[in-house]
Amino acid sequence: MWRSLVAHLTEGQAAAVVVRCHIGICQTGSMPQWKDYQEQSATLVRQFGFNAETDVVVKGSQASHDVDGLVTYSHAGLDLMWIVE
């Protein structure tokens, strides 16, 4: 996922992504560390213009699925979706 996100960035922007990912992992309030990281990751993805949601129920053809993260965006006229676990 990150490779295709970073592929569209300048070298400086890509470096900022790496730095933020490494230094931005910290627990705030009473939120578990993994949940805080999940929310920080969604915030980072949003900063690049994507739509990001966490803890989403996605309805499939035969069942519903609880996913940790859902990223949606449009590229070249296509509506695309990444499911992040």
C-alpha atoms as a PDB file:
ATOM      1  CA  MET A   1       0.000   0.000   0.000  1.00  0.00           C
ATOM      2  CA  TRP A   2       2.636   2.524   1.000  1.00  0.00           C
ATOM      3  CA  ARG A   3       4.674   1.866  -2.119  1.00  0.00           C
ATOM      4  CA  SER A   4       1.844   2.946  -4.426  1.00  0.00           C
ATOM      5  CA  LEU A   5       1.078   5.948  -2.179  1.00  0.00           C
ATOM      6  CA  VAL A   6       4.704   7.073  -2.095  1.00  0.00           C
ATOM      7  CA  ALA A   7       5.118   6.510  -5.856  1.00  0.00           C
ATOM      8  CA  HIS A   8       3.031   9.631  -6.549  1.00  0.00           C
ATOM      9  CA  LEU A   9       4.990  11.870  -4.160  1.00  0.00           C
ATOM     10  CA  THR A  10       8.085  13.999  -4.575  1.00  0.00           C
ATOM     11  CA  GLU A  11      11.260  12.799  -2.892  1.00  0.00           C
ATOM     12  CA  GLY A  12      10.808  15.300  -0.041  1.00  0.00           C
ATOM     13  CA  GLN A  13       7.195  14.298   0.547  1.00  0.00           C
ATOM     14  CA  ALA A  14       8.146  10.614   0.595  1.00  0.00           C
ATOM     15  CA  ALA A  15      10.855  11.316   3.185  1.00  0.00           C
ATOM     16  CA  ALA A  16       8.277  13.132   5.326  1.00  0.00           C
ATOM     17  CA  VAL A  17       5.989  10.078   5.173  1.00  0.00           C
ATOM     18  CA  VAL A  18       8.775   7.811   6.410  1.00  0.00           C
ATOM     19  CA  VAL A  19       9.729  10.181   9.227  1.00  0.00           C
ATOM     20  CA  ARG A  20       6.118  10.652  10.348  1.00  0.00           C
ATOM     21  CA  CYS A  21       5.503   6.911  10.342  1.00  0.00           C
ATOM     22  CA  HIS A  22       8.533   6.273  12.539  1.00  0.00           C
ATOM     23  CA  ILE A  23       8.227   9.156  14.994  1.00  0.00           C
ATOM     24  CA  GLY A  24       4.434   9.420  15.081  1.00  0.00           C
ATOM     25  CA  ILE A  25       3.788   6.190  16.933  1.00  0.00           C
ATOM     26  CA  CYS A  26       2.865   7.184  20.464  1.00  0.00           C
ATOM     27  CA  GLN A  27      -0.033   6.469  22.746  1.00  0.00           C
ATOM     28  CA  THR A  28      -2.369   9.342  23.606  1.00  0.00           C
ATOM     29  CA  GLY A  29      -5.025   9.280  26.298  1.00  0.00           C
ATOM     30  CA  SER A  30      -6.550   5.915  27.135  1.00  0.00           C
ATOM     31  CA  MET A  31      -6.597   4.665  23.539  1.00  0.00           C
ATOM     32  CA  PRO A  32      -4.628   1.407  23.046  1.00  0.00           C
ATOM     33  CA  GLN A  33      -1.359   1.902  21.156  1.00  0.00           C
ATOM     34  CA  TRP A  34      -2.518  -0.142  18.126  1.00  0.00           C
ATOM     35  CA  LYS A  35      -5.715   1.921  17.866  1.00  0.00           C
ATOM     36  CA  ASP A  36      -3.769   5.170  18.151  1.00  0.00           C
ATOM     37  CA  TYR A  37      -1.427   3.973  15.376  1.00  0.00           C
ATOM     38  CA  GLN A  38      -4.447   3.016  13.241  1.00  0.00           C
ATOM     39  CA  GLU A  39      -5.951   6.499  13.638  1.00  0.00           C
ATOM     40  CA  GLN A  40      -2.619   8.220  12.970  1.00  0.00           C
ATOM     41  CA  SER A  41      -2.193   6.156   9.810  1.00  0.00           C
ATOM     42  CA  ALA A  42      -5.676   7.153   8.614  1.00  0.00           C
ATOM     43  CA  THR A  43      -4.860  10.818   9.319  1.00  0.00           C
ATOM     44  CA  LEU A  44      -1.642  10.538   7.305  1.00  0.00           C
ATOM     45  CA  VAL A  45      -3.459   8.964   4.356  1.00  0.00           C
ATOM     46  CA  ARG A  46      -6.080  11.760   4.493  1.00  0.00           C
ATOM     47  CA  GLN A  47      -3.313  14.374   4.313  1.00  0.00           C
ATOM     48  CA  PHE A  48      -2.484  13.052   0.850  1.00  0.00           C
ATOM     49  CA  GLY A  49      -6.043  13.526  -0.370  1.00  0.00           C
ATOM     50  CA  PHE A  50      -7.409  10.031   0.087  1.00  0.00           C
ATOM     51  CA  ASN A  51     -10.579   9.184   2.024  1.00  0.00           C
ATOM     52  CA  ALA A  52      -9.779   6.987   5.015  1.00  0.00           C
ATOM     53  CA  GLU A  53     -12.049   5.371   7.600  1.00  0.00           C
ATOM     54  CA  THR A  54     -11.209   3.048  10.469  1.00  0.00           C
ATOM     55  CA  ASP A  55     -13.173   0.156  11.969  1.00  0.00           C
ATOM     56  CA  VAL A  56     -15.573  -0.135   9.062  1.00  0.00           C
ATOM     57  CA  VAL A  57     -18.110  -2.818   8.181  1.00  0.00           C
ATOM     58  CA  VAL A  58     -17.936  -3.539   4.454  1.00  0.00           C
ATOM     59  CA  LYS A  59     -20.826  -5.403   2.877  1.00  0.00           C
ATOM     60  CA  GLY A  60     -19.648  -8.081   0.471  1.00  0.00           C
ATOM     61  CA  SER A  61     -21.656 -10.191  -1.941  1.00  0.00           C
ATOM     62  CA  GLN A  62     -22.384 -12.882   0.653  1.00  0.00           C
ATOM     63  CA  ALA A  63     -21.407 -11.428   4.033  1.00  0.00           C
ATOM     64  CA  SER A  64     -20.348  -8.334   5.918  1.00  0.00           C
ATOM     65  CA  HIS A  65     -16.708  -7.882   6.918  1.00  0.00           C
ATOM     66  CA  ASP A  66     -15.194  -5.885   9.785  1.00  0.00           C
ATOM     67  CA  VAL A  67     -12.066  -4.172   8.460  1.00  0.00           C
ATOM     68  CA  ASP A  68      -9.483  -2.111  10.332  1.00  0.00           C
ATOM     69  CA  GLY A  69      -9.099   0.483   7.610  1.00  0.00           C
ATOM     70  CA  LEU A  70     -10.779   1.476   4.375  1.00  0.00           C
ATOM     71  CA  VAL A  71      -9.132   3.864   1.904  1.00  0.00           C
ATOM     72  CA  THR A  72     -11.029   5.108  -1.141  1.00  0.00           C
ATOM     73  CA  TYR A  73      -9.963   7.411  -3.951  1.00  0.00           C
ATOM     74  CA  SER A  74     -10.368   8.070  -7.661  1.00  0.00           C
ATOM     75  CA  HIS A  75      -7.545   7.652 -10.160  1.00  0.00           C
ATOM     76  CA  ALA A  76      -7.781   7.897 -13.942  1.00  0.00           C
ATOM     77  CA  GLY A  77     -11.583   7.868 -13.750  1.00  0.00           C
ATOM     78  CA  LEU A  78     -11.726   4.737 -11.600  1.00  0.00           C
ATOM     79  CA  ASP A  79     -13.108   4.583  -8.063  1.00  0.00           C
ATOM     80  CA  LEU A  80     -10.602   2.495  -6.093  1.00  0.00           C
ATOM     81  CA  MET A  81     -10.721   0.940  -2.634  1.00  0.00           C
ATOM     82  CA  TRP A  82      -7.961  -0.413  -0.381  1.00  0.00           C
ATOM     83  CA  ILE A  83      -8.881  -2.626   2.539  1.00  0.00           C
ATOM     84  CA  VAL A  84      -6.213  -2.368   5.232  1.00  0.00           C
ATOM     85  CA  GLU A  85      -5.811  -5.020   7.924  1.00  0.00           C
END
